[in-house]
Structure formats: C-alpha cells, structure tokens
Amino acid sequence: MTNQQIINNFLSVFTRGDKTPKHKALSVIGEKLYSYNLLIAEYVVEEGFSGVLIHDHWAEGLGMVSSTTSQHVGLIVRATKHHPRKLRSQQGAFDFLTDTIRK
C-alpha cells in the first residue's frame, strides 16, 4: 500500500477500523494513524466536535521527530482539507485547522 492509500483507508468510514501492514512507516490501527510508533492523527468525539485530531509533529508545533514523520503529518493535513479537523500544536491545546499554510 502507498502512503496515500493508507491515509484514504484511515479517512474512509467503511475501512476505518481495518489495520494496515505494520512493516510500513505509516500505519492505521483502529481509528488512529501512526508514523512509525508515533500517533499523528485520530478520530475524536468530544463536546461540540467530531472529526480528525491531527497531532502537529512539525518543527513549530509539538516538535519535529523526523523528516518522514513531518511528511506524514503534511499528507494527513492535505488529505483532510474538507473534513472536520483540529490541530494539536501544544500539549493540551487544540486549534481548528483552516488551511495548510504554516505561519
């Protein structure tokens, strides 16, 4: 599977719970998307919000772990452009993500 296919699997209501091959750097387990063993996105349902929570592992957010993980975060950000989503950029802080342009 390509990274894009794995992300499509994660975003699809029909295949969301399916696991993807663990030998890939990007994988889905349940309703969570991992880059290696690091959680980068998950489906959440909380007061007033139901959608994708993206953990910002870019340099200016929670901190860059690797260039590959940063690319994976970029892929999920672009793929969720038309989905309800929030970005977790600091411990405990959640912001609505309205575009993919970093400031």
C-alpha atoms as a PDB file:
ATOM      1  CA  MET A   1       0.000   0.000   0.000  1.00  0.00           C
ATOM      2  CA  THR A   2       1.155   3.533  -0.719  1.00  0.00           C
ATOM      3  CA  ASN A   3       1.066   6.228   1.960  1.00  0.00           C
ATOM      4  CA  GLN A   4      -1.882   7.855   0.180  1.00  0.00           C
ATOM      5  CA  GLN A   5      -3.794   4.549   0.190  1.00  0.00           C
ATOM      6  CA  ILE A   6      -3.130   4.169   3.919  1.00  0.00           C
ATOM      7  CA  ILE A   7      -4.449   7.687   4.576  1.00  0.00           C
ATOM      8  CA  ASN A   8      -7.508   7.020   2.402  1.00  0.00           C
ATOM      9  CA  ASN A   9      -8.082   3.852   4.433  1.00  0.00           C
ATOM     10  CA  PHE A  10      -7.884   5.896   7.654  1.00  0.00           C
ATOM     11  CA  LEU A  11     -10.350   8.515   6.359  1.00  0.00           C
ATOM     12  CA  SER A  12     -12.876   6.057   4.909  1.00  0.00           C
ATOM     13  CA  VAL A  13     -15.898   5.278   7.050  1.00  0.00           C
ATOM     14  CA  PHE A  14     -16.014   1.804   5.507  1.00  0.00           C
ATOM     15  CA  THR A  15     -12.390   0.771   6.188  1.00  0.00           C
ATOM     16  CA  ARG A  16     -11.553   2.984   9.169  1.00  0.00           C
ATOM     17  CA  GLY A  17     -11.165   0.124  11.654  1.00  0.00           C
ATOM     18  CA  ASP A  18      -9.047  -2.020   9.330  1.00  0.00           C
ATOM     19  CA  LYS A  19      -5.400  -2.457  10.215  1.00  0.00           C
ATOM     20  CA  THR A  20      -2.710  -1.728   7.670  1.00  0.00           C
ATOM     21  CA  PRO A  21       0.607  -3.558   7.303  1.00  0.00           C
ATOM     22  CA  LYS A  22       2.826  -2.797  10.301  1.00  0.00           C
ATOM     23  CA  HIS A  23       6.022  -3.008   8.265  1.00  0.00           C
ATOM     24  CA  LYS A  24       5.166   0.345   6.685  1.00  0.00           C
ATOM     25  CA  ALA A  25       6.317   3.611   8.285  1.00  0.00           C
ATOM     26  CA  LEU A  26       2.692   4.856   8.111  1.00  0.00           C
ATOM     27  CA  SER A  27       0.011   2.606   9.585  1.00  0.00           C
ATOM     28  CA  VAL A  28      -3.570   2.562  10.875  1.00  0.00           C
ATOM     29  CA  ILE A  29      -4.675   0.742  13.993  1.00  0.00           C
ATOM     30  CA  GLY A  30      -8.344   1.165  14.816  1.00  0.00           C
ATOM     31  CA  GLU A  31      -9.192   4.849  14.483  1.00  0.00           C
ATOM     32  CA  LYS A  32      -5.610   6.067  14.883  1.00  0.00           C
ATOM     33  CA  LEU A  33      -2.926   6.900  12.323  1.00  0.00           C
ATOM     34  CA  TYR A  34       0.705   6.300  13.253  1.00  0.00           C
ATOM     35  CA  SER A  35       4.009   7.377  11.758  1.00  0.00           C
ATOM     36  CA  TYR A  36       6.313   4.611  12.948  1.00  0.00           C
ATOM     37  CA  ASN A  37       5.092   4.271  16.569  1.00  0.00           C
ATOM     38  CA  LEU A  38       4.083   7.924  16.964  1.00  0.00           C
ATOM     39  CA  LEU A  39       0.390   8.865  16.941  1.00  0.00           C
ATOM     40  CA  ILE A  40      -0.120  11.606  14.332  1.00  0.00           C
ATOM     41  CA  ALA A  41      -3.919  11.606  13.837  1.00  0.00           C
ATOM     42  CA  GLU A  42      -7.028  10.110  15.372  1.00  0.00           C
ATOM     43  CA  TYR A  43     -10.796  10.316  15.230  1.00  0.00           C
ATOM     44  CA  VAL A  44     -12.240  12.051  18.276  1.00  0.00           C
ATOM     45  CA  VAL A  45     -15.713  12.799  19.540  1.00  0.00           C
ATOM     46  CA  GLU A  46     -15.793  15.456  22.237  1.00  0.00           C
ATOM     47  CA  GLU A  47     -18.115  18.273  23.255  1.00  0.00           C
ATOM     48  CA  GLY A  48     -19.021  20.195  20.138  1.00  0.00           C
ATOM     49  CA  PHE A  49     -16.534  18.460  17.850  1.00  0.00           C
ATOM     50  CA  SER A  50     -16.430  15.200  15.959  1.00  0.00           C
ATOM     51  CA  GLY A  51     -13.644  14.697  13.444  1.00  0.00           C
ATOM     52  CA  VAL A  52      -9.935  14.200  12.917  1.00  0.00           C
ATOM     53  CA  LEU A  53      -7.477  15.422  15.534  1.00  0.00           C
ATOM     54  CA  ILE A  54      -4.043  15.919  13.962  1.00  0.00           C
ATOM     55  CA  HIS A  55      -1.012  15.931  16.245  1.00  0.00           C
ATOM     56  CA  ASP A  56       1.298  18.631  14.889  1.00  0.00           C
ATOM     57  CA  HIS A  57       4.712  16.982  14.732  1.00  0.00           C
ATOM     58  CA  TRP A  58       6.149  19.759  12.597  1.00  0.00           C
ATOM     59  CA  ALA A  59       9.034  21.842  13.910  1.00  0.00           C
ATOM     60  CA  GLU A  60       6.824  24.693  15.171  1.00  0.00           C
ATOM     61  CA  GLY A  61       4.186  22.502  16.813  1.00  0.00           C
ATOM     62  CA  LEU A  62       4.786  19.595  19.173  1.00  0.00           C
ATOM     63  CA  GLY A  63       8.262  19.232  17.709  1.00  0.00           C
ATOM     64  CA  MET A  64       9.663  17.532  14.673  1.00  0.00           C
ATOM     65  CA  VAL A  65      10.577  13.908  15.266  1.00  0.00           C
ATOM     66  CA  SER A  66      11.889  13.076  11.788  1.00  0.00           C
ATOM     67  CA  SER A  67      11.527  14.392   8.269  1.00  0.00           C
ATOM     68  CA  THR A  68       9.457  11.326   7.347  1.00  0.00           C
ATOM     69  CA  THR A  69       7.022  11.916  10.207  1.00  0.00           C
ATOM     70  CA  SER A  70       6.792  15.580   9.233  1.00  0.00           C
ATOM     71  CA  GLN A  71       5.922  14.494   5.669  1.00  0.00           C
ATOM     72  CA  HIS A  72       3.276  12.105   7.024  1.00  0.00           C
ATOM     73  CA  VAL A  73       1.695  14.962   9.021  1.00  0.00           C
ATOM     74  CA  GLY A  74       1.680  17.075   5.861  1.00  0.00           C
ATOM     75  CA  LEU A  75      -0.075  14.272   3.959  1.00  0.00           C
ATOM     76  CA  ILE A  76      -2.867  13.947   6.538  1.00  0.00           C
ATOM     77  CA  VAL A  77      -3.276  17.736   6.748  1.00  0.00           C
ATOM     78  CA  ARG A  78      -3.736  17.971   2.966  1.00  0.00           C
ATOM     79  CA  ALA A  79      -5.978  14.891   2.813  1.00  0.00           C
ATOM     80  CA  THR A  80      -8.357  16.276   5.467  1.00  0.00           C
ATOM     81  CA  LYS A  81      -8.834  19.660   3.824  1.00  0.00           C
ATOM     82  CA  HIS A  82     -12.589  19.042   3.506  1.00  0.00           C
ATOM     83  CA  HIS A  83     -13.035  17.112   6.769  1.00  0.00           C
ATOM     84  CA  PRO A  84     -13.807  18.460  10.228  1.00  0.00           C
ATOM     85  CA  ARG A  85     -10.381  18.638  11.871  1.00  0.00           C
ATOM     86  CA  LYS A  86      -8.413  20.154  14.705  1.00  0.00           C
ATOM     87  CA  LEU A  87      -4.682  20.561  15.128  1.00  0.00           C
ATOM     88  CA  ARG A  88      -2.986  19.790  18.411  1.00  0.00           C
ATOM     89  CA  SER A  89       0.051  22.035  18.333  1.00  0.00           C
ATOM     90  CA  GLN A  90       0.900  22.181  22.049  1.00  0.00           C
ATOM     91  CA  GLN A  91       0.345  19.883  24.981  1.00  0.00           C
ATOM     92  CA  GLY A  92      -3.344  20.207  25.780  1.00  0.00           C
ATOM     93  CA  ALA A  93      -4.025  22.931  23.180  1.00  0.00           C
ATOM     94  CA  PHE A  94      -6.393  22.364  20.273  1.00  0.00           C
ATOM     95  CA  ASP A  95      -6.978  24.739  17.368  1.00  0.00           C
ATOM     96  CA  PHE A  96      -9.212  24.445  14.347  1.00  0.00           C
ATOM     97  CA  LEU A  97      -7.110  23.938  11.251  1.00  0.00           C
ATOM     98  CA  THR A  98      -8.447  26.089   8.438  1.00  0.00           C
ATOM     99  CA  ASP A  99      -5.621  25.858   5.921  1.00  0.00           C
ATOM    100  CA  THR A 100      -2.381  24.038   5.248  1.00  0.00           C
ATOM    101  CA  ILE A 101      -0.126  27.081   5.200  1.00  0.00           C
ATOM    102  CA  ARG A 102       2.308  27.223   8.083  1.00  0.00           C
ATOM    103  CA  LYS A 103       2.997  30.655   9.561  1.00  0.00           C
END
